[in-house]
Amino acid sequence: MIKNEKIKASEVHVTGINGEDLGIMPTAEALKLAKQLKVDLVCTSLLSSPPPCQLIGAGAARQKQQQEAKRDRPAKLKEIRLTASIEDHDYETKQQQARRLLHSGHPVMLVVKTGNNKESAAARKLLEDLVRDLKAEGRPATGIQVSGKQSMVQLDPLN
């Protein structure tokens, strides 16, 4: 985000504090207007000519920059571990944990540890149930993968 005197374009397309279109004007005039109103002139994109700029209060500019930085931060893949022989209460707890993570925008890897072949069938059914129960919050990014002593599936948030 480029602000005030750092804007190098000779003229800019200015949008006012309340979103009103002030039109195309020389950068020096736009900076003078920003100083009169005690706000910052912020360039929102460098891809067009003249670049679009907006008059934003100093606190609002900082807040907007922080929001953009937060939005650009990649979501971390969170892992939830389960066992094939899980009690109903524990299943509900893990389901709520996954739901909470998906709502906050994090993808979730559900991993079920198994000991033998009989448990791997139960692990697959457990993962199918979890995917079905969490379909309102997330969609499977991968199919259910069974390998050796564990089965897993990754769910990505819907939003």
C-alpha atoms as a PDB file:
ATOM      1  CA  MET A   1       0.000   0.000   0.000  1.00  0.00           C
ATOM      2  CA  ILE A   2       1.566   3.279  -1.146  1.00  0.00           C
ATOM      3  CA  LYS A   3       0.688   6.441   0.792  1.00  0.00           C
ATOM      4  CA  ASN A   4       0.991  10.209   0.347  1.00  0.00           C
ATOM      5  CA  GLU A   5       4.322  11.507  -1.059  1.00  0.00           C
ATOM      6  CA  LYS A   6       5.451   8.015  -2.081  1.00  0.00           C
ATOM      7  CA  ILE A   7       2.881   8.033  -4.919  1.00  0.00           C
ATOM      8  CA  LYS A   8       4.945   8.755  -8.054  1.00  0.00           C
ATOM      9  CA  ALA A   9       2.172   9.056 -10.671  1.00  0.00           C
ATOM     10  CA  SER A  10       1.608  12.511 -12.185  1.00  0.00           C
ATOM     11  CA  GLU A  11      -2.175  12.231 -11.791  1.00  0.00           C
ATOM     12  CA  VAL A  12      -4.490   9.956  -9.814  1.00  0.00           C
ATOM     13  CA  HIS A  13      -8.158   8.966  -9.752  1.00  0.00           C
ATOM     14  CA  VAL A  14      -9.356  10.033  -6.297  1.00  0.00           C
ATOM     15  CA  THR A  15     -12.160   8.578  -4.188  1.00  0.00           C
ATOM     16  CA  GLY A  16     -13.311  10.624  -1.175  1.00  0.00           C
ATOM     17  CA  ILE A  17     -13.543   9.619   2.475  1.00  0.00           C
ATOM     18  CA  ASN A  18     -17.176   8.499   2.131  1.00  0.00           C
ATOM     19  CA  GLY A  19     -16.601   6.678  -1.166  1.00  0.00           C
ATOM     20  CA  GLU A  20     -17.631   9.565  -3.444  1.00  0.00           C
ATOM     21  CA  ASP A  21     -15.824   9.830  -6.781  1.00  0.00           C
ATOM     22  CA  LEU A  22     -13.731  13.028  -6.925  1.00  0.00           C
ATOM     23  CA  GLY A  23     -12.401  12.283 -10.415  1.00  0.00           C
ATOM     24  CA  ILE A  24      -8.925  12.449 -11.943  1.00  0.00           C
ATOM     25  CA  MET A  25      -6.625  15.172 -10.604  1.00  0.00           C
ATOM     26  CA  PRO A  26      -2.909  15.933 -10.386  1.00  0.00           C
ATOM     27  CA  THR A  27      -1.179  14.092  -7.522  1.00  0.00           C
ATOM     28  CA  ALA A  28      -0.013  17.377  -5.962  1.00  0.00           C
ATOM     29  CA  GLU A  29      -3.609  18.632  -5.805  1.00  0.00           C
ATOM     30  CA  ALA A  30      -4.800  15.321  -4.316  1.00  0.00           C
ATOM     31  CA  LEU A  31      -2.065  15.501  -1.655  1.00  0.00           C
ATOM     32  CA  LYS A  32      -3.042  19.110  -0.836  1.00  0.00           C
ATOM     33  CA  LEU A  33      -6.672  18.004  -0.440  1.00  0.00           C
ATOM     34  CA  ALA A  34      -5.598  15.126   1.838  1.00  0.00           C
ATOM     35  CA  LYS A  35      -3.597  17.537   4.037  1.00  0.00           C
ATOM     36  CA  GLN A  36      -6.561  19.932   4.259  1.00  0.00           C
ATOM     37  CA  LEU A  37      -8.826  17.100   5.409  1.00  0.00           C
ATOM     38  CA  LYS A  38      -6.072  15.708   7.711  1.00  0.00           C
ATOM     39  CA  VAL A  39      -6.235  12.260   6.060  1.00  0.00           C
ATOM     40  CA  ASP A  40      -3.909  10.054   3.996  1.00  0.00           C
ATOM     41  CA  LEU A  41      -3.960   9.603   0.240  1.00  0.00           C
ATOM     42  CA  VAL A  42      -3.628   5.847  -0.307  1.00  0.00           C
ATOM     43  CA  CYS A  43      -2.997   4.217  -3.687  1.00  0.00           C
ATOM     44  CA  THR A  44      -5.166   1.076  -3.900  1.00  0.00           C
ATOM     45  CA  SER A  45      -3.756  -0.399  -7.133  1.00  0.00           C
ATOM     46  CA  LEU A  46      -0.811   0.237  -9.426  1.00  0.00           C
ATOM     47  CA  LEU A  47      -2.239  -1.802 -12.294  1.00  0.00           C
ATOM     48  CA  SER A  48      -4.284   0.961 -13.957  1.00  0.00           C
ATOM     49  CA  SER A  49      -3.433   4.388 -15.292  1.00  0.00           C
ATOM     50  CA  PRO A  50      -4.127   6.755 -13.613  1.00  0.00           C
ATOM     51  CA  PRO A  51      -3.849   4.739 -10.394  1.00  0.00           C
ATOM     52  CA  PRO A  52      -6.950   4.748  -8.162  1.00  0.00           C
ATOM     53  CA  CYS A  53      -6.323   6.467  -4.820  1.00  0.00           C
ATOM     54  CA  GLN A  54      -8.529   6.909  -1.802  1.00  0.00           C
ATOM     55  CA  LEU A  55      -8.679   9.484   0.974  1.00  0.00           C
ATOM     56  CA  ILE A  56      -8.539   7.493   4.218  1.00  0.00           C
ATOM     57  CA  GLY A  57      -8.145   8.591   7.847  1.00  0.00           C
ATOM     58  CA  ALA A  58      -4.769   7.644   9.351  1.00  0.00           C
ATOM     59  CA  GLY A  59      -6.213   5.063  11.753  1.00  0.00           C
ATOM     60  CA  ALA A  60      -8.421   3.560   9.047  1.00  0.00           C
ATOM     61  CA  ALA A  61      -5.441   3.191   6.691  1.00  0.00           C
ATOM     62  CA  ARG A  62      -3.476   1.314   9.334  1.00  0.00           C
ATOM     63  CA  GLN A  63      -6.484  -0.899  10.118  1.00  0.00           C
ATOM     64  CA  LYS A  64      -7.043  -1.649   6.410  1.00  0.00           C
ATOM     65  CA  GLN A  65      -3.381  -2.590   6.008  1.00  0.00           C
ATOM     66  CA  GLN A  66      -3.585  -4.960   8.991  1.00  0.00           C
ATOM     67  CA  GLN A  67      -6.736  -6.577   7.584  1.00  0.00           C
ATOM     68  CA  GLU A  68      -5.030  -7.143   4.230  1.00  0.00           C
ATOM     69  CA  ALA A  69      -2.010  -8.677   5.956  1.00  0.00           C
ATOM     70  CA  LYS A  70      -4.279 -10.963   7.976  1.00  0.00           C
ATOM     71  CA  ARG A  71      -6.218 -12.025   4.863  1.00  0.00           C
ATOM     72  CA  ASP A  72      -2.996 -12.771   2.970  1.00  0.00           C
ATOM     73  CA  ARG A  73      -1.699 -15.039   5.727  1.00  0.00           C
ATOM     74  CA  PRO A  74      -2.145 -18.682   4.690  1.00  0.00           C
ATOM     75  CA  ALA A  75      -4.337 -20.865   6.876  1.00  0.00           C
ATOM     76  CA  LYS A  76      -2.450 -23.562   8.764  1.00  0.00           C
ATOM     77  CA  LEU A  77      -3.331 -27.201   8.290  1.00  0.00           C
ATOM     78  CA  LYS A  78      -4.507 -28.518  11.663  1.00  0.00           C
ATOM     79  CA  GLU A  79      -4.347 -32.202  12.509  1.00  0.00           C
ATOM     80  CA  ILE A  80      -6.891 -34.015  14.681  1.00  0.00           C
ATOM     81  CA  ARG A  81      -5.916 -37.495  15.801  1.00  0.00           C
ATOM     82  CA  LEU A  82      -8.438 -40.194  16.633  1.00  0.00           C
ATOM     83  CA  THR A  83      -8.497 -43.918  17.293  1.00  0.00           C
ATOM     84  CA  ALA A  84     -10.681 -46.450  15.497  1.00  0.00           C
ATOM     85  CA  SER A  85     -12.402 -47.526  18.733  1.00  0.00           C
ATOM     86  CA  ILE A  86     -13.689 -44.119  19.845  1.00  0.00           C
ATOM     87  CA  GLU A  87     -16.469 -43.495  22.366  1.00  0.00           C
ATOM     88  CA  ASP A  88     -19.517 -41.422  21.371  1.00  0.00           C
ATOM     89  CA  HIS A  89     -18.624 -38.522  23.672  1.00  0.00           C
ATOM     90  CA  ASP A  90     -15.050 -38.391  22.349  1.00  0.00           C
ATOM     91  CA  TYR A  91     -16.366 -38.515  18.778  1.00  0.00           C
ATOM     92  CA  GLU A  92     -18.601 -35.508  19.473  1.00  0.00           C
ATOM     93  CA  THR A  93     -15.699 -33.631  21.090  1.00  0.00           C
ATOM     94  CA  LYS A  94     -13.411 -34.234  18.082  1.00  0.00           C
ATOM     95  CA  GLN A  95     -16.256 -33.289  15.735  1.00  0.00           C
ATOM     96  CA  GLN A  96     -16.772 -29.980  17.600  1.00  0.00           C
ATOM     97  CA  GLN A  97     -13.021 -29.324  17.517  1.00  0.00           C
ATOM     98  CA  ALA A  98     -12.940 -29.887  13.734  1.00  0.00           C
ATOM     99  CA  ARG A  99     -16.050 -27.730  13.260  1.00  0.00           C
ATOM    100  CA  ARG A 100     -14.456 -24.877  15.244  1.00  0.00           C
ATOM    101  CA  LEU A 101     -11.222 -25.058  13.196  1.00  0.00           C
ATOM    102  CA  LEU A 102     -13.122 -25.142   9.888  1.00  0.00           C
ATOM    103  CA  HIS A 103     -15.223 -22.123  10.946  1.00  0.00           C
ATOM    104  CA  SER A 104     -12.034 -20.174  11.686  1.00  0.00           C
ATOM    105  CA  GLY A 105     -10.798 -20.908   8.148  1.00  0.00           C
ATOM    106  CA  HIS A 106      -8.211 -23.636   8.829  1.00  0.00           C
ATOM    107  CA  PRO A 107      -8.103 -26.851   6.805  1.00  0.00           C
ATOM    108  CA  VAL A 108      -8.272 -29.963   9.004  1.00  0.00           C
ATOM    109  CA  MET A 109      -6.467 -33.287   8.586  1.00  0.00           C
ATOM    110  CA  LEU A 110      -8.372 -36.089  10.351  1.00  0.00           C
ATOM    111  CA  VAL A 111      -5.997 -38.952  11.191  1.00  0.00           C
ATOM    112  CA  VAL A 112      -7.106 -42.292  12.626  1.00  0.00           C
ATOM    113  CA  LYS A 113      -4.382 -44.549  14.032  1.00  0.00           C
ATOM    114  CA  THR A 114      -4.983 -48.273  13.491  1.00  0.00           C
ATOM    115  CA  GLY A 115      -3.317 -51.435  14.696  1.00  0.00           C
ATOM    116  CA  ASN A 116      -4.627 -54.194  12.425  1.00  0.00           C
ATOM    117  CA  ASN A 117      -6.800 -54.831   9.354  1.00  0.00           C
ATOM    118  CA  LYS A 118     -10.008 -55.090  11.361  1.00  0.00           C
ATOM    119  CA  GLU A 119      -9.377 -51.622  12.774  1.00  0.00           C
ATOM    120  CA  SER A 120      -8.639 -50.127   9.337  1.00  0.00           C
ATOM    121  CA  ALA A 121     -12.200 -50.913   8.191  1.00  0.00           C
ATOM    122  CA  ALA A 122     -13.544 -49.251  11.356  1.00  0.00           C
ATOM    123  CA  ALA A 123     -11.216 -46.265  10.759  1.00  0.00           C
ATOM    124  CA  ARG A 124     -12.532 -45.840   7.224  1.00  0.00           C
ATOM    125  CA  LYS A 125     -16.139 -45.897   8.483  1.00  0.00           C
ATOM    126  CA  LEU A 126     -15.259 -43.409  11.233  1.00  0.00           C
ATOM    127  CA  LEU A 127     -13.747 -41.002   8.693  1.00  0.00           C
ATOM    128  CA  GLU A 128     -16.749 -41.395   6.370  1.00  0.00           C
ATOM    129  CA  ASP A 129     -19.054 -40.536   9.297  1.00  0.00           C
ATOM    130  CA  LEU A 130     -16.974 -37.486  10.221  1.00  0.00           C
ATOM    131  CA  VAL A 131     -16.902 -36.231   6.622  1.00  0.00           C
ATOM    132  CA  ARG A 132     -20.684 -36.669   6.419  1.00  0.00           C
ATOM    133  CA  ASP A 133     -21.264 -34.906   9.773  1.00  0.00           C
ATOM    134  CA  LEU A 134     -18.942 -32.002   8.860  1.00  0.00           C
ATOM    135  CA  LYS A 135     -20.163 -31.458   5.281  1.00  0.00           C
ATOM    136  CA  ALA A 136     -21.898 -28.186   6.309  1.00  0.00           C
ATOM    137  CA  GLU A 137     -18.527 -26.746   7.445  1.00  0.00           C
ATOM    138  CA  GLY A 138     -15.985 -28.343   5.116  1.00  0.00           C
ATOM    139  CA  ARG A 139     -15.509 -30.405   1.987  1.00  0.00           C
ATOM    140  CA  PRO A 140     -12.970 -33.188   1.501  1.00  0.00           C
ATOM    141  CA  ALA A 141      -9.828 -31.992  -0.279  1.00  0.00           C
ATOM    142  CA  THR A 142      -8.560 -35.554  -0.573  1.00  0.00           C
ATOM    143  CA  GLY A 143     -10.241 -38.922  -0.572  1.00  0.00           C
ATOM    144  CA  ILE A 144      -9.907 -41.177   2.447  1.00  0.00           C
ATOM    145  CA  GLN A 145      -6.348 -42.442   2.331  1.00  0.00           C
ATOM    146  CA  VAL A 146      -5.519 -45.739   4.041  1.00  0.00           C
ATOM    147  CA  SER A 147      -1.832 -46.429   4.481  1.00  0.00           C
ATOM    148  CA  GLY A 148      -0.227 -48.874   6.848  1.00  0.00           C
ATOM    149  CA  LYS A 149      -1.142 -47.995  10.408  1.00  0.00           C
ATOM    150  CA  GLN A 150      -3.262 -44.915   9.740  1.00  0.00           C
ATOM    151  CA  SER A 151      -6.159 -43.589   7.695  1.00  0.00           C
ATOM    152  CA  MET A 152      -6.642 -39.917   6.922  1.00  0.00           C
ATOM    153  CA  VAL A 153      -8.704 -37.349   5.078  1.00  0.00           C
ATOM    154  CA  GLN A 154      -8.257 -33.596   4.689  1.00  0.00           C
ATOM    155  CA  LEU A 155     -11.220 -31.225   4.953  1.00  0.00           C
ATOM    156  CA  ASP A 156     -11.039 -27.670   3.601  1.00  0.00           C
ATOM    157  CA  PRO A 157     -13.348 -24.954   4.948  1.00  0.00           C
ATOM    158  CA  LEU A 158     -16.271 -23.970   2.722  1.00  0.00           C
ATOM    159  CA  ASN A 159     -15.800 -20.192   3.102  1.00  0.00           C
END
